[in-house]
Protein backbone atom coordinates (compact mmCIF):
# COMPACT_ATOMS: atom_id res chain seq x y z
CA UNK A 1 121.64 113.41 108.38
CA UNK A 2 119.23 111.74 106.14
CA UNK A 3 115.83 111.15 107.41
CA UNK A 4 115.98 107.58 106.10
CA UNK A 5 119.02 106.80 108.19
CA UNK A 6 117.86 108.35 111.49
CA UNK A 7 119.66 107.21 114.56
CA UNK A 8 117.75 105.39 117.26
CA UNK A 9 117.63 108.53 119.22
CA UNK A 10 116.11 110.39 116.44
CA UNK A 11 113.25 107.99 115.66
CA UNK A 12 109.71 108.80 116.59
CA UNK A 13 107.91 107.13 119.33
CA UNK A 14 105.26 104.59 118.35
CA UNK A 15 102.34 106.90 119.40
CA UNK A 16 103.91 109.70 117.17
CA UNK A 17 103.92 107.36 114.07
CA UNK A 18 100.37 106.29 114.79
CA UNK A 19 99.10 109.81 115.12
CA UNK A 20 100.74 110.80 111.89
CA UNK A 21 99.37 107.72 110.04
CA UNK A 22 95.97 108.38 111.49
CA UNK A 23 96.09 111.89 110.13
CA UNK A 24 95.79 110.46 106.62
CA UNK A 25 92.34 109.02 107.48
CA UNK A 26 90.83 112.37 107.85
CA UNK A 27 89.26 112.36 104.37
CA UNK A 28 87.73 108.87 105.05
CA UNK A 29 86.55 109.77 108.69
CA UNK A 30 82.77 108.89 107.85
CA UNK A 31 83.69 105.42 106.83
CA UNK A 32 85.94 105.03 109.75
CA UNK A 33 83.21 106.14 112.14
CA UNK A 34 80.82 103.48 110.46
CA UNK A 35 83.46 100.83 110.87
CA UNK A 36 83.75 101.57 114.68
CA UNK A 37 79.97 101.74 115.20
CA UNK A 38 79.59 98.24 113.47
CA UNK A 39 82.51 96.89 115.35
CA UNK A 40 81.16 97.93 118.82
CA UNK A 41 77.69 96.64 117.97
CA UNK A 42 79.13 93.45 116.83
CA UNK A 43 81.13 92.88 120.00
CA UNK A 44 78.14 93.61 122.06
CA UNK A 45 76.08 91.14 120.13
CA UNK A 46 78.92 88.50 120.84
CA UNK A 47 79.14 89.32 124.61
CA UNK A 48 75.44 89.57 125.31
CA UNK A 49 74.83 86.37 123.44
CA UNK A 50 76.72 84.73 126.17
CA UNK A 51 75.20 86.80 128.92
CA UNK A 52 71.59 86.21 127.79
CA UNK A 53 72.45 82.47 127.44
CA UNK A 54 73.58 82.48 131.05
CA UNK A 55 70.57 84.41 132.23
CA UNK A 56 68.29 81.86 130.56
CA UNK A 57 70.05 79.00 132.16
CA UNK A 58 69.66 80.58 135.52
CA UNK A 59 65.90 80.94 134.79
CA UNK A 60 65.46 77.38 133.81
CA UNK A 61 67.55 75.71 136.55
CA UNK A 62 66.72 77.89 139.47
CA UNK A 63 63.23 79.29 138.70
CA UNK A 64 61.87 76.71 136.22
CA UNK A 65 60.67 79.48 133.81
CA UNK A 66 61.70 80.13 130.21
CA UNK A 67 61.81 83.58 128.84
CA UNK A 68 59.41 83.92 125.83
CA UNK A 69 61.32 84.43 122.62
CA UNK A 70 64.84 84.11 124.17
CA UNK A 71 65.94 81.45 121.70
CA UNK A 72 64.92 83.61 118.75
CA UNK A 73 66.68 86.52 120.38
CA UNK A 74 69.99 84.53 120.63
CA UNK A 75 69.67 83.42 117.07
CA UNK A 76 69.23 87.00 115.98
CA UNK A 77 72.20 88.20 118.01
CA UNK A 78 74.35 85.42 116.38
CA UNK A 79 73.44 86.32 112.89
CA UNK A 80 73.72 90.09 113.55
CA UNK A 81 77.26 89.25 114.98
CA UNK A 82 78.39 87.88 111.62
CA UNK A 83 76.79 90.76 109.53
CA UNK A 84 78.09 93.49 111.71
CA UNK A 85 81.63 91.90 111.72
CA UNK A 86 81.52 91.66 107.89
CA UNK A 87 80.51 95.23 107.60
CA UNK A 88 83.30 96.53 109.85
CA UNK A 89 85.91 94.52 108.09
CA UNK A 90 84.57 95.77 104.71
CA UNK A 91 84.80 99.46 105.92
CA UNK A 92 88.21 98.88 107.36
CA UNK A 93 89.72 97.39 104.30
CA UNK A 94 88.14 99.79 101.96
CA UNK A 95 89.86 102.51 104.01
CA UNK A 96 93.19 100.54 104.09
CA UNK A 97 93.34 99.98 100.37
CA UNK A 98 92.32 103.51 99.54
CA UNK A 99 94.85 104.88 101.72
CA UNK A 100 97.55 102.50 100.38
CA UNK A 101 96.87 104.07 97.03
CA UNK A 102 97.15 107.49 98.46
CA UNK A 103 100.34 106.75 100.27
CA UNK A 104 101.96 105.19 97.10
CA UNK A 105 100.95 108.31 95.23
CA UNK A 106 102.66 110.50 97.97
CA UNK A 107 105.77 108.28 98.07
CA UNK A 108 106.21 108.48 94.30
CA UNK A 109 105.66 112.29 94.39
CA UNK A 110 108.21 112.50 97.11
CA UNK A 111 110.82 110.54 95.11
CA UNK A 112 110.02 112.62 92.09
CA UNK A 113 110.86 115.70 94.32
CA UNK A 114 113.97 113.99 95.83
CA UNK A 115 115.36 112.42 92.59
CA UNK A 116 117.72 112.19 90.99
CA UNK A 117 119.87 113.29 94.09
CA UNK A 118 117.98 110.66 96.12
CA UNK A 119 119.08 107.77 93.76
CA UNK A 120 122.71 108.98 93.31
CA UNK A 121 124.80 106.30 95.02
CA UNK A 122 121.76 105.31 97.22
CA UNK A 123 120.52 101.98 98.34
CA UNK A 124 117.94 101.29 95.76
CA UNK A 125 116.85 97.88 97.18
CA UNK A 126 115.90 99.71 100.51
CA UNK A 127 113.97 102.16 98.51
CA UNK A 128 112.15 99.25 96.60
CA UNK A 129 111.45 97.69 100.00
CA UNK A 130 109.75 100.87 101.24
CA UNK A 131 107.68 101.28 98.07
CA UNK A 132 106.54 97.69 98.21
CA UNK A 133 106.60 95.71 101.48
CA UNK A 134 106.66 98.62 103.86
CA UNK A 135 103.68 100.31 102.29
CA UNK A 136 101.83 96.83 102.19
CA UNK A 137 102.44 96.34 105.87
CA UNK A 138 100.57 99.65 106.52
CA UNK A 139 97.44 97.71 105.56
CA UNK A 140 97.69 96.02 108.91
CA UNK A 141 97.57 99.36 110.57
CA UNK A 142 94.72 100.87 108.61
CA UNK A 143 92.43 97.70 108.55
CA UNK A 144 93.30 96.09 111.86
CA UNK A 145 94.55 98.84 114.21
CA UNK A 146 92.79 102.07 114.18
CA UNK A 147 89.19 100.87 114.50
CA UNK A 148 90.00 98.09 116.75
CA UNK A 149 91.57 100.53 119.32
CA UNK A 150 88.35 102.69 119.27
CA UNK A 151 86.13 99.66 119.36
CA UNK A 152 88.02 98.16 122.35
CA UNK A 153 87.73 101.52 124.16
CA UNK A 154 83.98 102.04 123.58
CA UNK A 155 83.08 98.42 124.23
CA UNK A 156 85.13 98.29 127.32
CA UNK A 157 83.55 101.36 128.71
CA UNK A 158 80.02 99.91 128.02
CA UNK A 159 80.86 96.75 129.80
CA UNK A 160 82.42 98.53 132.64
CA UNK A 161 79.09 100.34 133.19
CA UNK A 162 77.08 97.12 132.70
CA UNK A 163 79.15 95.15 135.20
CA UNK A 164 79.40 98.14 137.57
CA UNK A 165 75.56 98.26 137.54
CA UNK A 166 75.66 94.61 139.07
CA UNK A 167 78.47 95.66 141.55
CA UNK A 168 80.54 98.80 141.75
CA UNK A 169 83.75 96.87 142.88
CA UNK A 170 83.19 94.38 140.04
CA UNK A 171 83.05 97.33 137.57
CA UNK A 172 86.40 98.69 139.01
CA UNK A 173 87.90 95.25 138.68
CA UNK A 174 86.60 94.91 135.11
CA UNK A 175 88.15 98.24 134.25
CA UNK A 176 91.49 97.32 135.72
CA UNK A 177 91.44 94.02 133.69
CA UNK A 178 90.59 95.76 130.31
CA UNK A 179 93.37 98.27 130.98
CA UNK A 180 95.97 95.58 131.89
CA UNK A 181 95.17 93.39 128.77
CA UNK A 182 94.44 96.20 126.23
CA UNK A 183 96.86 98.79 127.30
CA UNK A 184 99.67 97.93 129.68
CA UNK A 185 100.66 94.62 128.16
CA UNK A 186 100.78 95.88 124.44
CA UNK A 187 102.70 99.00 125.53
CA UNK A 188 105.42 97.01 127.35
CA UNK A 189 105.72 94.44 124.61
CA UNK A 190 105.73 97.18 122.03
CA UNK A 191 108.60 98.98 123.75
CA UNK A 192 110.59 95.78 123.79
CA UNK A 193 110.01 95.00 120.27
CA UNK A 194 110.22 98.45 118.60
CA UNK A 195 113.96 98.45 118.17
CA UNK A 196 113.77 94.69 116.89
CA UNK A 197 111.11 95.64 114.57
CA UNK A 198 113.03 98.51 112.91
CA UNK A 199 116.18 96.47 112.79
CA UNK A 200 114.29 93.71 110.91
CA UNK A 201 112.81 96.12 108.36
CA UNK A 202 116.13 97.76 107.57
CA UNK A 203 117.81 94.30 107.35
CA UNK A 204 114.95 93.19 105.04
CA UNK A 205 115.56 96.22 102.87
CA UNK A 206 119.42 95.44 102.89
CA UNK A 207 118.83 91.93 101.90
CA UNK A 208 116.58 93.30 98.95
CA UNK A 209 119.51 95.48 97.78
CA UNK A 210 121.95 92.66 97.97
CA UNK A 211 119.79 90.30 95.88
CA UNK A 212 119.13 92.92 93.40
CA UNK A 213 122.86 93.69 93.10
CA UNK A 214 123.52 90.16 92.79
CA UNK A 215 121.03 89.63 89.83
CA UNK A 216 122.47 92.72 87.91
CA UNK A 217 125.97 91.30 88.43
CA UNK A 218 125.09 87.68 87.39
CA UNK A 219 127.34 87.60 84.28
CA UNK A 220 130.37 88.70 86.33
CA UNK A 221 129.58 86.28 89.11
CA UNK A 222 129.41 83.37 86.58
CA UNK A 223 132.52 84.58 84.79
CA UNK A 224 134.71 84.84 87.74
CA UNK A 225 133.29 81.69 89.60
CA UNK A 226 132.17 83.62 92.66
CA UNK A 227 128.65 82.17 92.81
CA UNK A 228 129.27 80.00 95.79
CA UNK A 229 130.63 82.89 97.72
CA UNK A 230 127.79 85.06 96.69
CA UNK A 231 125.13 82.39 97.56
CA UNK A 232 126.89 81.97 100.81
CA UNK A 233 126.54 85.67 101.55
CA UNK A 234 122.75 85.64 100.65
CA UNK A 235 122.26 82.59 102.86
CA UNK A 236 124.12 84.20 105.79
CA UNK A 237 121.92 87.41 105.52
CA UNK A 238 118.73 85.30 105.19
CA UNK A 239 119.79 83.29 108.20
CA UNK A 240 120.46 86.51 110.15
CA UNK A 241 117.02 87.76 109.14
CA UNK A 242 115.47 84.42 110.25
CA UNK A 243 117.01 84.88 113.56
CA UNK A 244 115.51 88.25 113.99
CA UNK A 245 112.18 86.97 112.94
CA UNK A 246 112.47 84.27 115.63
CA UNK A 247 113.18 86.87 118.19
CA UNK A 248 110.03 88.76 117.19
CA UNK A 249 108.12 85.43 117.22
CA UNK A 250 109.36 84.58 120.76
CA UNK A 251 108.37 88.12 121.85
CA UNK A 252 104.86 87.40 120.35
CA UNK A 253 104.60 84.08 122.12
CA UNK A 254 105.54 85.51 125.54
CA UNK A 255 103.08 88.33 124.98
CA UNK A 256 100.26 85.83 124.15
CA UNK A 257 101.12 83.82 127.20
CA UNK A 258 101.09 86.89 129.51
CA UNK A 259 97.88 88.07 128.03
CA UNK A 260 96.05 84.66 128.51
CA UNK A 261 97.30 84.33 132.06
CA UNK A 262 96.18 87.90 132.80
CA UNK A 263 92.70 87.08 131.53
CA UNK A 264 92.48 84.04 133.66
CA UNK A 265 93.59 85.91 136.77
CA UNK A 266 91.03 88.58 136.25
CA UNK A 267 88.30 86.20 135.33
CA UNK A 268 88.84 84.21 138.47
CA UNK A 269 89.33 87.46 140.40
CA UNK A 270 85.85 88.40 139.33
CA UNK A 271 84.37 85.05 140.30
CA UNK A 272 85.88 85.20 143.77
CA UNK A 273 84.93 88.82 144.20
CA UNK A 274 81.33 88.22 143.28
CA UNK A 275 81.13 84.99 145.33
CA UNK A 276 82.37 87.08 148.29
CA UNK A 277 79.97 89.84 147.74
CA UNK A 278 77.01 87.04 147.30
CA UNK A 279 77.96 85.55 150.72
CA UNK A 280 78.02 88.99 152.12
CA UNK A 281 74.55 89.74 150.76
CA UNK A 282 75.65 92.64 148.70
CA UNK A 283 74.57 90.98 145.41
CA UNK A 284 72.06 88.32 144.49
CA UNK A 285 72.75 85.11 142.79
CA UNK A 286 71.76 86.56 139.28
CA UNK A 287 74.13 89.46 139.68
CA UNK A 288 76.90 87.22 140.73
CA UNK A 289 76.68 85.00 137.72
CA UNK A 290 75.93 87.75 135.21
CA UNK A 291 78.83 89.77 136.24
CA UNK A 292 81.20 86.83 136.13
CA UNK A 293 79.95 85.76 132.66
CA UNK A 294 80.02 89.22 131.44
CA UNK A 295 83.71 89.63 132.57
CA UNK A 296 84.75 86.23 131.05
CA UNK A 297 83.10 86.93 127.74
CA UNK A 298 84.03 90.54 127.17
CA UNK A 299 87.82 90.33 126.82
CA UNK A 300 87.38 89.95 123.01
CA UNK A 301 88.00 93.56 122.02
CA UNK A 302 90.86 94.07 124.28
CA UNK A 303 92.51 90.85 123.35
CA UNK A 304 92.38 91.98 119.65
CA UNK A 305 93.96 95.12 120.84
CA UNK A 306 96.61 93.29 122.71
CA UNK A 307 97.33 91.03 119.77
CA UNK A 308 97.97 94.11 117.66
CA UNK A 309 101.39 94.56 119.37
CA UNK A 310 102.57 91.29 117.79
CA UNK A 311 102.58 92.81 114.28
CA UNK A 312 102.55 96.45 115.31
CA UNK A 313 106.37 96.58 115.95
CA UNK A 314 107.09 95.85 112.15
CA UNK A 315 104.14 97.90 111.12
CA UNK A 316 105.28 101.02 112.99
CA UNK A 317 108.88 100.46 111.78
CA UNK A 318 107.38 100.32 108.19
CA UNK A 319 105.37 103.53 108.90
CA UNK A 320 108.57 105.18 110.22
CA UNK A 321 110.48 104.51 107.13
CA UNK A 322 107.63 105.66 104.88
CA UNK A 323 107.07 108.77 106.90
CA UNK A 324 110.82 109.56 106.88
CA UNK A 325 110.92 109.32 103.09
CA UNK A 326 107.90 111.69 102.83
CA UNK A 327 109.52 114.09 105.13
CA UNK A 328 112.98 114.00 103.61
CA UNK A 329 114.24 117.35 102.39
CA UNK A 330 114.84 117.67 98.54
CA UNK A 331 118.40 118.74 97.45
CA UNK A 332 116.65 121.29 95.33
CA UNK A 333 113.18 122.73 95.55
CA UNK A 334 111.17 123.08 92.35
CA UNK A 335 110.74 126.68 91.13
CA UNK A 336 107.32 127.97 89.96
CA UNK A 337 105.73 131.22 89.38
CA UNK A 338 108.64 133.06 87.92
CA UNK A 339 108.78 134.98 84.59
CA UNK A 340 109.25 132.62 81.61
CA UNK A 341 112.96 132.07 80.68
CA UNK A 342 114.06 131.75 76.98
CA UNK A 343 117.60 130.20 76.59
CA UNK A 344 120.15 132.68 75.54
CA UNK A 345 123.33 130.99 77.10
CA UNK A 346 124.73 129.67 80.40
CA UNK A 347 127.74 130.21 82.67
CA UNK A 348 129.14 129.30 86.06
CA UNK A 349 130.88 131.82 88.27
CA UNK A 350 133.40 130.73 90.95
CA UNK A 351 131.49 127.70 91.87
CA UNK A 352 132.37 125.32 94.70
CA UNK A 353 130.45 121.99 95.11
CA UNK A 354 131.00 118.88 97.36
CA UNK A 355 129.43 115.46 97.78
CA UNK A 356 129.22 115.53 101.53
CA UNK A 357 133.02 115.73 102.58
CA UNK A 358 134.51 115.30 99.11
CA UNK A 359 135.05 118.51 97.29
CA UNK A 360 134.54 118.11 93.47
CA UNK A 361 134.49 121.69 92.04
CA UNK A 362 136.58 124.62 93.63
CA UNK A 363 136.28 128.17 92.39
CA UNK A 364 135.07 126.97 88.91
CA UNK A 365 133.99 129.30 86.28
CA UNK A 366 133.03 128.76 82.64
CA UNK A 367 130.92 130.73 80.03
CA UNK A 368 128.80 128.97 77.40
CA UNK A 369 127.66 131.24 74.70
CA UNK A 370 124.46 130.50 72.68
CA UNK A 371 124.96 128.52 69.51
CA UNK A 372 128.42 127.26 70.24
CA UNK A 373 129.73 123.62 70.89
CA UNK A 374 131.83 123.82 73.99
CA UNK A 375 133.96 120.80 74.84
CA UNK A 376 135.15 119.88 78.41
CA UNK A 377 137.93 117.39 78.39
CA UNK A 378 139.57 115.77 81.35
CA UNK A 379 140.17 112.52 83.29
CA UNK A 380 137.47 110.49 85.09
CA UNK A 381 136.71 112.11 88.55
CA UNK A 382 137.82 115.65 87.57
CA UNK A 383 134.27 117.00 88.01
CA UNK A 384 132.91 117.09 84.35
CA UNK A 385 129.67 115.19 84.98
CA UNK A 386 129.15 117.14 88.00
CA UNK A 387 129.22 120.37 86.10
CA UNK A 388 126.40 119.10 83.93
CA UNK A 389 124.25 118.06 86.88
CA UNK A 390 124.63 121.55 88.33
CA UNK A 391 123.45 122.98 84.95
CA UNK A 392 120.53 120.57 85.22
CA UNK A 393 120.00 121.73 88.84
CA UNK A 394 120.09 118.12 90.26
CA UNK A 395 121.93 119.95 92.99
CA UNK A 396 122.71 123.62 93.91
CA UNK A 397 126.24 124.92 94.14
CA UNK A 398 127.76 125.25 97.70
CA UNK A 399 129.14 128.53 96.68
CA UNK A 400 129.20 130.83 93.59
CA UNK A 401 126.49 131.11 90.90
CA UNK A 402 125.17 128.89 88.10
CA UNK A 403 123.13 130.93 85.48
CA UNK A 404 120.96 130.34 82.57
CA UNK A 405 120.19 133.37 80.30
CA UNK A 406 121.87 135.57 82.78
CA UNK A 407 119.59 134.40 85.58
CA UNK A 408 120.51 132.55 88.71
CA UNK A 409 119.38 128.98 87.89
CA UNK A 410 117.44 129.00 91.29
CA UNK A 411 115.20 131.66 89.84
CA UNK A 412 114.33 129.89 86.65
CA UNK A 413 111.09 127.91 86.62
CA UNK A 414 111.88 124.27 86.85
CA UNK A 415 109.52 123.45 83.99
CA UNK A 416 111.27 126.12 81.79
CA UNK A 417 114.62 124.55 82.70
CA UNK A 418 113.64 121.11 81.73
CA UNK A 419 112.15 122.45 78.30
CA UNK A 420 115.51 124.24 77.68
CA UNK A 421 117.79 121.39 78.33
CA UNK A 422 118.39 117.80 76.93
CA UNK A 423 120.76 115.69 78.99
CA UNK A 424 122.46 112.43 77.81
CA UNK A 425 124.02 110.61 80.58
CA UNK A 426 126.95 108.18 80.55
CA UNK A 427 124.57 105.23 81.13
CA UNK A 428 121.36 105.36 79.20
CA UNK A 429 118.42 103.76 81.05
CA UNK A 430 115.99 101.76 78.94
CA UNK A 431 112.60 100.83 80.00
CA UNK A 432 111.33 97.23 79.45
CA UNK A 433 109.30 98.48 76.57
CA UNK A 434 109.65 98.95 72.65
CA UNK A 435 112.43 100.95 71.18
CA UNK A 436 109.76 103.45 69.89
CA UNK A 437 108.37 104.11 73.41
CA UNK A 438 112.00 104.26 74.78
CA UNK A 439 112.92 107.06 72.29
CA UNK A 440 109.49 108.67 72.93
CA UNK A 441 110.51 109.41 76.63
CA UNK A 442 112.05 112.60 75.20
CA UNK A 443 108.62 113.65 73.88
CA UNK A 444 105.63 111.34 75.11
CA UNK A 445 103.26 112.68 72.57
CA UNK A 446 105.64 112.39 69.58
CA UNK A 447 104.34 110.81 66.26
CA UNK A 448 106.20 107.86 64.80
CA UNK A 449 107.63 110.04 62.06
CA UNK A 450 109.24 112.34 64.74
CA UNK A 451 110.67 109.32 66.47
CA UNK A 452 112.16 107.93 63.27
CA UNK A 453 113.68 111.29 62.39
CA UNK A 454 115.26 111.48 65.81
CA UNK A 455 116.71 107.95 65.32
CA UNK A 456 118.21 108.86 62.00
CA UNK A 457 119.87 111.81 63.58
CA UNK A 458 121.37 109.47 66.23
CA UNK A 459 122.48 106.97 63.44
CA UNK A 460 120.37 104.13 64.91
CA UNK A 461 117.41 104.05 62.47
CA UNK A 462 119.14 101.53 60.13
CA UNK A 463 120.03 99.13 62.96
CA UNK A 464 116.41 99.40 64.16
CA UNK A 465 115.06 98.57 60.72
CA UNK A 466 116.92 95.26 60.68
CA UNK A 467 115.20 94.09 63.77
CA UNK A 468 112.27 91.57 63.40
CA UNK A 469 109.61 94.11 64.73
CA UNK A 470 111.52 97.41 63.96
CA UNK A 471 110.61 100.10 66.28
CA UNK A 472 108.08 97.80 68.04
CA UNK A 473 111.04 95.52 69.21
CA UNK A 474 111.11 95.04 72.96
CA UNK A 475 114.57 95.99 74.38
CA UNK A 476 114.36 93.48 77.45
CA UNK A 477 114.92 94.45 81.01
CA UNK A 478 117.48 97.22 81.32
CA UNK A 479 117.87 97.08 77.57
CA UNK A 480 120.00 93.80 78.00
CA UNK A 481 119.17 92.87 74.32
CA UNK A 482 121.21 95.81 72.96
CA UNK A 483 124.82 96.70 73.15
CA UNK A 484 126.21 99.55 75.15
CA UNK A 485 126.55 101.67 71.92
CA UNK A 486 123.16 101.03 70.90
CA UNK A 487 121.74 101.92 74.10
CA UNK A 488 123.71 105.12 74.03
CA UNK A 489 122.41 106.00 70.60
CA UNK A 490 118.89 105.58 71.83
CA UNK A 491 119.70 108.03 74.63
CA UNK A 492 121.01 110.50 71.99
CA UNK A 493 117.78 110.01 69.94
CA UNK A 494 115.80 110.90 73.02
CA UNK A 495 117.70 114.19 73.22
CA UNK A 496 117.02 114.94 69.64
CA UNK A 497 113.37 114.24 69.93
CA UNK A 498 113.22 116.49 72.98
CA UNK A 499 114.69 119.32 70.70
CA UNK A 500 115.92 121.52 73.43
CA UNK A 501 118.19 124.45 72.65
CA UNK A 502 120.72 123.49 75.29
CA UNK A 503 122.20 120.03 74.79
CA UNK A 504 124.37 118.46 77.59
CA UNK A 505 126.18 115.42 76.50
CA UNK A 506 128.09 113.37 79.25
CA UNK A 507 130.44 110.93 77.48
CA UNK A 508 128.26 110.34 74.47
CA UNK A 509 130.68 108.15 72.77
CA UNK A 510 132.12 106.31 75.64
CA UNK A 511 130.48 103.00 74.73
CA UNK A 512 131.30 103.40 70.88
CA UNK A 513 134.11 102.22 68.83
CA UNK A 514 135.93 104.58 66.57
CA UNK A 515 133.70 104.07 63.61
CA UNK A 516 130.44 104.61 65.47
CA UNK A 517 132.05 107.50 67.20
CA UNK A 518 132.73 109.31 64.06
CA UNK A 519 129.08 108.51 62.91
CA UNK A 520 127.67 110.06 66.05
CA UNK A 521 129.93 113.06 65.88
CA UNK A 522 128.98 113.61 62.29
CA UNK A 523 125.20 113.41 63.24
CA UNK A 524 125.83 115.76 66.09
CA UNK A 525 127.51 118.26 63.79
CA UNK A 526 124.80 118.17 61.17
CA UNK A 527 121.88 118.29 63.67
CA UNK A 528 122.97 120.98 66.09
CA UNK A 529 123.25 124.17 63.96
CA UNK A 530 121.22 126.26 66.16
CA UNK A 531 121.72 124.42 69.48
CA UNK A 532 124.19 125.15 72.33
CA UNK A 533 126.10 122.07 73.12
CA UNK A 534 128.31 121.14 76.06
CA UNK A 535 130.28 117.99 75.10
CA UNK A 536 131.96 116.19 78.04
CA UNK A 537 134.42 113.45 77.33
CA UNK A 538 137.72 112.06 78.45
CA UNK A 539 138.43 111.09 74.77
CA UNK A 540 140.52 113.55 72.83
CA UNK A 541 139.00 112.43 69.63
CA UNK A 542 135.47 113.40 70.70
CA UNK A 543 136.70 117.03 71.18
CA UNK A 544 137.18 117.43 67.43
CA UNK A 545 133.55 118.48 67.33
CA UNK A 546 134.01 121.33 69.72
CA UNK A 547 134.70 124.81 68.64
CA UNK A 548 136.26 125.77 72.17
CA UNK A 549 137.83 123.04 74.44
CA UNK A 550 138.36 123.48 78.14
CA UNK A 551 140.61 121.19 80.13
CA UNK A 552 139.32 120.27 83.55
CA UNK A 553 141.74 119.03 86.30
CA UNK A 554 140.39 118.20 89.69
CA UNK A 555 137.53 120.66 89.58
CA UNK A 556 139.48 123.43 87.88
CA UNK A 557 139.24 124.59 84.41
CA UNK A 558 142.07 125.71 82.11
């Protein structure tokens, strides 16, 4: 079962997600401690601003005296509150954006480890949602969750001691109020909203996928006049998402109402308790007023903590999705530290392979001698492309053995394997960049002369020179300014530039007409003298280049 598609039962609890996310803060702990220290001092300045003002009013009204310098002290506390709050927020956001960069790096490293198997037939829109909006939402956690929790706990403990100094029962009541507002209400609300938050994030990712799919298929949508239907589907999904958001908003509104009501209850409870103790002679008038003012003015930190649960449901859902991606097991692990391997041939022995429940290869064997051009011919779906992916080690065989240079491919350094092989897929992906840079993917440090030589071998050089900017011409998004055949030849040019001894060609002429197919085959024949080539195609004409041709039928060779 994929980590990304965990069942509800398999999902982590909110506290587990939070602890794992907090673990990433370890390297920035000094800054986090500074943020907490500044936050506690800032809240204490705000609280005691009210307390001291109340104390001064009591002195003026009942004793007719003015505390010297009190006004100056109140001004200093007000200014300090602003400065300290700014410092706390600066530290928190520094941590947040620093960690977002670290998490993005980790996510892309994880995708590099998981791909290409991760992207094979997977929901790319959901992956985009994780990389973008889910990671962005974690900013709320790092900037507005971790330190507020610590600040609320420390400030509340200080205030419990202060109020308890006026009256022990009052301190106990204050403690109960802080726990109710800052702990009980958020936990209950968070438990109710956790499932809705995850459902919302998953649905948001699904909508991204649907919109991305719609944009890519825009030509077909227009051609077959299915725009209204597609638009209706997008609107329906958007409306469903809106209803989920309304549900989360209602939960947020009810939580705020309960929080405000609880604060009123405990504030008046403190007033009645202190009034009763005053009448009983257990406290004096100043202690009664100061304890009541302190209680009413000190809910700020726990209210901030309580309000976290409003956004925390979606934030934790995003954290769950990001953590699940980071923890997902790769189909194949990279191999390092082995003896260097030089290519001297390849073979597969009695290989079985399945995509989940669908068996593609069964007891398949083939030998590929060095320096030969081997053709594999067969209908679509017979397992030809899968065989090449096993030689690339995108997957490991379920049974049997795939070998390079008489070594089990699982014992060959991954870096050596990539250096030994060039792989041209059925669909060549072009980046939104120049033609030269797209060819240079095969060798990033290649000189322009090398790029041009590779293009000549792929019979694309003359076409490129007819373009307004030649090799510096932009290919457009997904290479949409080029034809399928032109994109395929750029893919072949990449392979020539990489100049690996083992060349794997998956339907290299599938997007070409007969004339261009002949040109490409002629170029391959002239350019692959000392290379080992595996040429996969359903076209019989393409097999003319091969020295040995194997027929593949439903995962078996003949």
